[in-house]
Amino acid sequence: MFIFDGSKGDLDEVLVSVGDKVSEGQALVKYSSADAQAAYDAASRAVAKADRHINELNEARNTAASTPVLPQAGLKALRTKPSTIFYISYSFYRFTNQ
């Protein structure tokens, strides 16, 4: 008894004939894989794009982590102007909570 599964694609080739001896797990038919290959290729491209984006984000994070937030001259100015500390803190808060 032969059962065709159309969800796997178009039937490309029948690999056995009537009366052939077959073993368990042996392929009996071959499905056309053009659609499946196109879907696989598209998914592979999407994964590669996501990997590139993750790498770019990691590089940006590492660069930001190694860059000082305020130069030493700015720290001296902050010690003498408390209002500046508030302004910078508030600006940072607004920037990070958008």
N, C-alpha and C. Protein backbone atom coordinates (compact mmCIF):
# COMPACT_ATOMS: atom_id res chain seq x y z
N MET A 1 0.84 -1.17 0.00
CA MET A 1 0.00 0.00 0.00
C MET A 1 0.89 1.24 0.00
N PHE A 2 0.64 2.18 -0.89
CA PHE A 2 1.44 3.39 -1.03
C PHE A 2 0.62 4.59 -0.58
N ILE A 3 1.20 5.38 0.31
CA ILE A 3 0.51 6.58 0.79
C ILE A 3 1.37 7.79 0.43
N PHE A 4 0.80 8.69 -0.33
CA PHE A 4 1.49 9.91 -0.74
C PHE A 4 1.20 11.02 0.26
N ASP A 5 2.25 11.67 0.74
CA ASP A 5 2.10 12.79 1.68
C ASP A 5 2.40 14.09 0.94
N GLY A 6 1.35 14.76 0.48
CA GLY A 6 1.50 15.98 -0.29
C GLY A 6 2.11 17.14 0.49
N SER A 7 2.09 17.07 1.81
CA SER A 7 2.65 18.16 2.61
C SER A 7 4.17 18.20 2.54
N LYS A 8 4.78 17.14 2.04
CA LYS A 8 6.24 17.10 1.94
C LYS A 8 6.75 17.63 0.60
N GLY A 9 5.85 18.03 -0.28
CA GLY A 9 6.24 18.56 -1.58
C GLY A 9 5.75 17.68 -2.70
N ASP A 10 6.25 17.97 -3.89
CA ASP A 10 5.87 17.18 -5.07
C ASP A 10 6.68 15.90 -5.12
N LEU A 11 6.04 14.85 -5.58
CA LEU A 11 6.72 13.57 -5.72
C LEU A 11 7.68 13.67 -6.90
N ASP A 12 8.96 13.42 -6.63
CA ASP A 12 9.98 13.55 -7.66
C ASP A 12 10.32 12.19 -8.28
N GLU A 13 10.39 11.16 -7.44
CA GLU A 13 10.83 9.86 -7.95
C GLU A 13 10.38 8.75 -7.01
N VAL A 14 9.97 7.62 -7.59
CA VAL A 14 9.67 6.43 -6.80
C VAL A 14 10.92 5.57 -6.84
N LEU A 15 11.45 5.23 -5.69
CA LEU A 15 12.75 4.56 -5.61
C LEU A 15 12.67 3.03 -5.60
N VAL A 16 11.47 2.48 -5.47
CA VAL A 16 11.30 1.02 -5.46
C VAL A 16 10.22 0.63 -6.46
N SER A 17 10.23 -0.61 -6.84
CA SER A 17 9.22 -1.14 -7.77
C SER A 17 8.41 -2.20 -7.04
N VAL A 18 7.28 -2.55 -7.65
CA VAL A 18 6.44 -3.60 -7.10
C VAL A 18 7.24 -4.89 -7.06
N GLY A 19 7.23 -5.56 -5.92
CA GLY A 19 7.95 -6.84 -5.78
C GLY A 19 9.35 -6.67 -5.21
N ASP A 20 9.87 -5.45 -5.13
CA ASP A 20 11.21 -5.24 -4.54
C ASP A 20 11.17 -5.54 -3.05
N LYS A 21 12.26 -6.09 -2.55
CA LYS A 21 12.38 -6.30 -1.11
C LYS A 21 12.93 -5.01 -0.51
N VAL A 22 12.30 -4.57 0.54
CA VAL A 22 12.74 -3.34 1.21
C VAL A 22 13.00 -3.64 2.68
N SER A 23 13.80 -2.79 3.26
CA SER A 23 14.09 -2.96 4.69
C SER A 23 13.53 -1.77 5.46
N GLU A 24 13.39 -1.96 6.74
CA GLU A 24 12.84 -0.92 7.59
C GLU A 24 13.72 0.33 7.52
N GLY A 25 13.10 1.47 7.33
CA GLY A 25 13.82 2.73 7.27
C GLY A 25 14.31 3.11 5.88
N GLN A 26 14.16 2.22 4.92
CA GLN A 26 14.62 2.49 3.55
C GLN A 26 13.70 3.51 2.90
N ALA A 27 14.29 4.46 2.17
CA ALA A 27 13.49 5.45 1.46
C ALA A 27 12.77 4.79 0.29
N LEU A 28 11.47 5.08 0.18
CA LEU A 28 10.67 4.49 -0.90
C LEU A 28 10.41 5.50 -2.01
N VAL A 29 10.34 6.75 -1.66
CA VAL A 29 10.09 7.80 -2.63
C VAL A 29 11.01 8.97 -2.35
N LYS A 30 11.15 9.83 -3.36
CA LYS A 30 11.94 11.05 -3.21
C LYS A 30 11.04 12.22 -3.57
N TYR A 31 10.99 13.19 -2.66
CA TYR A 31 10.17 14.37 -2.89
C TYR A 31 11.03 15.48 -3.47
N SER A 32 10.41 16.31 -4.29
CA SER A 32 11.10 17.48 -4.82
C SER A 32 11.36 18.43 -3.66
N SER A 33 12.58 18.94 -3.57
CA SER A 33 12.93 19.75 -2.42
C SER A 33 13.18 21.22 -2.78
N ALA A 34 12.74 21.67 -3.94
CA ALA A 34 13.00 23.05 -4.35
C ALA A 34 12.38 24.05 -3.39
N ASP A 35 11.13 23.84 -3.01
CA ASP A 35 10.47 24.76 -2.07
C ASP A 35 11.11 24.69 -0.68
N ALA A 36 11.41 23.48 -0.26
CA ALA A 36 12.04 23.31 1.05
C ALA A 36 13.42 23.95 1.06
N GLN A 37 14.17 23.81 -0.03
CA GLN A 37 15.50 24.40 -0.11
C GLN A 37 15.42 25.92 -0.09
N ALA A 38 14.45 26.48 -0.80
CA ALA A 38 14.27 27.94 -0.80
C ALA A 38 13.93 28.44 0.60
N ALA A 39 13.07 27.73 1.31
CA ALA A 39 12.71 28.12 2.68
C ALA A 39 13.92 28.01 3.60
N TYR A 40 14.71 26.95 3.42
CA TYR A 40 15.92 26.77 4.22
C TYR A 40 16.92 27.89 3.96
N ASP A 41 17.11 28.24 2.70
CA ASP A 41 18.03 29.32 2.34
C ASP A 41 17.59 30.65 2.95
N ALA A 42 16.29 30.94 2.89
CA ALA A 42 15.76 32.18 3.46
C ALA A 42 15.97 32.20 4.97
N ALA A 43 15.72 31.07 5.62
CA ALA A 43 15.92 30.99 7.07
C ALA A 43 17.40 31.15 7.43
N SER A 44 18.27 30.56 6.64
CA SER A 44 19.72 30.69 6.88
C SER A 44 20.17 32.14 6.76
N ARG A 45 19.63 32.84 5.76
CA ARG A 45 19.98 34.26 5.60
C ARG A 45 19.47 35.08 6.78
N ALA A 46 18.28 34.76 7.26
CA ALA A 46 17.72 35.48 8.41
C ALA A 46 18.56 35.24 9.67
N VAL A 47 19.03 34.02 9.86
CA VAL A 47 19.87 33.71 11.02
C VAL A 47 21.20 34.44 10.91
N ALA A 48 21.79 34.47 9.72
CA ALA A 48 23.06 35.18 9.53
C ALA A 48 22.89 36.67 9.80
N LYS A 49 21.78 37.24 9.35
CA LYS A 49 21.51 38.66 9.59
C LYS A 49 21.35 38.93 11.08
N ALA A 50 20.64 38.07 11.79
CA ALA A 50 20.47 38.22 13.23
C ALA A 50 21.81 38.11 13.95
N ASP A 51 22.66 37.18 13.52
CA ASP A 51 23.99 37.03 14.12
C ASP A 51 24.82 38.29 13.92
N ARG A 52 24.76 38.87 12.71
CA ARG A 52 25.51 40.11 12.46
C ARG A 52 25.00 41.22 13.36
N HIS A 53 23.69 41.31 13.52
CA HIS A 53 23.11 42.35 14.37
C HIS A 53 23.53 42.17 15.83
N ILE A 54 23.53 40.94 16.31
CA ILE A 54 23.97 40.66 17.67
C ILE A 54 25.43 41.05 17.85
N ASN A 55 26.27 40.73 16.88
CA ASN A 55 27.69 41.09 16.97
C ASN A 55 27.87 42.60 16.99
N GLU A 56 27.09 43.32 16.17
CA GLU A 56 27.18 44.78 16.15
C GLU A 56 26.76 45.36 17.51
N LEU A 57 25.70 44.81 18.09
CA LEU A 57 25.25 45.29 19.40
C LEU A 57 26.28 44.99 20.48
N ASN A 58 26.90 43.81 20.43
CA ASN A 58 27.94 43.47 21.41
C ASN A 58 29.14 44.40 21.28
N GLU A 59 29.54 44.71 20.04
CA GLU A 59 30.66 45.63 19.82
C GLU A 59 30.32 47.02 20.35
N ALA A 60 29.11 47.48 20.10
CA ALA A 60 28.69 48.80 20.58
C ALA A 60 28.68 48.82 22.11
N ARG A 61 28.19 47.74 22.73
CA ARG A 61 28.17 47.67 24.19
C ARG A 61 29.59 47.70 24.75
N ASN A 62 30.50 46.93 24.13
CA ASN A 62 31.88 46.89 24.61
C ASN A 62 32.56 48.24 24.44
N THR A 63 32.28 48.93 23.34
CA THR A 63 32.84 50.25 23.13
C THR A 63 32.31 51.24 24.16
N ALA A 64 31.02 51.17 24.41
CA ALA A 64 30.41 52.07 25.39
C ALA A 64 30.94 51.79 26.79
N ALA A 65 31.16 50.53 27.11
CA ALA A 65 31.65 50.17 28.43
C ALA A 65 33.09 50.64 28.64
N SER A 66 33.87 50.70 27.57
CA SER A 66 35.27 51.11 27.72
C SER A 66 35.47 52.61 27.55
N THR A 67 34.42 53.35 27.22
CA THR A 67 34.53 54.79 27.05
C THR A 67 34.13 55.48 28.34
N PRO A 68 35.01 56.35 28.86
CA PRO A 68 34.64 57.04 30.10
C PRO A 68 33.43 57.93 29.88
N VAL A 69 32.57 58.00 30.87
CA VAL A 69 31.35 58.78 30.76
C VAL A 69 31.66 60.27 30.81
N LEU A 70 32.49 60.68 31.76
CA LEU A 70 32.87 62.09 31.88
C LEU A 70 34.38 62.20 31.96
N PRO A 71 34.99 63.12 31.22
CA PRO A 71 36.43 63.32 31.36
C PRO A 71 36.73 63.95 32.72
N GLN A 72 37.98 63.87 33.15
CA GLN A 72 38.37 64.39 34.46
C GLN A 72 38.06 65.88 34.61
N ALA A 73 38.22 66.65 33.55
CA ALA A 73 37.92 68.08 33.64
C ALA A 73 36.45 68.30 33.96
N GLY A 74 35.61 67.48 33.41
CA GLY A 74 34.19 67.59 33.68
C GLY A 74 33.86 67.27 35.12
N LEU A 75 34.60 66.32 35.70
CA LEU A 75 34.37 65.97 37.10
C LEU A 75 34.69 67.14 38.01
N LYS A 76 35.76 67.89 37.70
CA LYS A 76 36.12 69.06 38.52
C LYS A 76 35.01 70.11 38.46
N ALA A 77 34.46 70.31 37.28
CA ALA A 77 33.38 71.29 37.13
C ALA A 77 32.14 70.84 37.89
N LEU A 78 31.89 69.56 37.90
CA LEU A 78 30.72 69.05 38.62
C LEU A 78 30.86 69.25 40.13
N ARG A 79 32.07 69.18 40.63
CA ARG A 79 32.28 69.36 42.08
C ARG A 79 31.94 70.79 42.51
N THR A 80 32.06 71.74 41.58
CA THR A 80 31.81 73.13 41.97
C THR A 80 30.41 73.60 41.60
N LYS A 81 29.69 72.83 40.76
CA LYS A 81 28.37 73.27 40.32
C LYS A 81 27.34 72.16 40.55
N PRO A 82 26.70 72.15 41.70
CA PRO A 82 25.70 71.10 41.98
C PRO A 82 24.56 71.09 40.98
N SER A 83 24.18 72.23 40.43
CA SER A 83 23.07 72.25 39.47
C SER A 83 23.43 71.47 38.20
N THR A 84 24.72 71.45 37.86
CA THR A 84 25.16 70.69 36.68
C THR A 84 24.96 69.20 36.90
N ILE A 85 25.23 68.75 38.12
CA ILE A 85 25.04 67.33 38.44
C ILE A 85 23.57 66.94 38.22
N PHE A 86 22.68 67.77 38.70
CA PHE A 86 21.26 67.50 38.51
C PHE A 86 20.90 67.46 37.03
N TYR A 87 21.40 68.41 36.26
CA TYR A 87 21.07 68.48 34.83
C TYR A 87 21.57 67.23 34.11
N ILE A 88 22.81 66.84 34.38
CA ILE A 88 23.36 65.65 33.71
C ILE A 88 22.60 64.40 34.14
N SER A 89 22.31 64.29 35.43
CA SER A 89 21.56 63.12 35.91
C SER A 89 20.17 63.07 35.28
N TYR A 90 19.49 64.20 35.23
CA TYR A 90 18.16 64.25 34.65
C TYR A 90 18.21 63.93 33.15
N SER A 91 19.20 64.46 32.45
CA SER A 91 19.34 64.21 31.00
C SER A 91 19.58 62.72 30.76
N PHE A 92 20.44 62.12 31.58
CA PHE A 92 20.71 60.69 31.43
C PHE A 92 19.46 59.88 31.70
N TYR A 93 18.70 60.27 32.74
CA TYR A 93 17.46 59.58 33.07
C TYR A 93 16.48 59.65 31.90
N ARG A 94 16.33 60.84 31.32
CA ARG A 94 15.41 60.99 30.18
C ARG A 94 15.88 60.17 29.00
N PHE A 95 17.20 60.17 28.74
CA PHE A 95 17.75 59.43 27.60
C PHE A 95 17.54 57.92 27.75
N THR A 96 17.74 57.40 28.94
CA THR A 96 17.62 55.95 29.15
C THR A 96 16.19 55.49 29.34
N ASN A 97 15.26 56.38 29.56
CA ASN A 97 13.87 55.98 29.79
C ASN A 97 12.92 56.45 28.67
N GLN A 98 13.42 56.54 27.48
CA GLN A 98 12.57 56.95 26.36
C GLN A 98 11.78 55.78 25.84
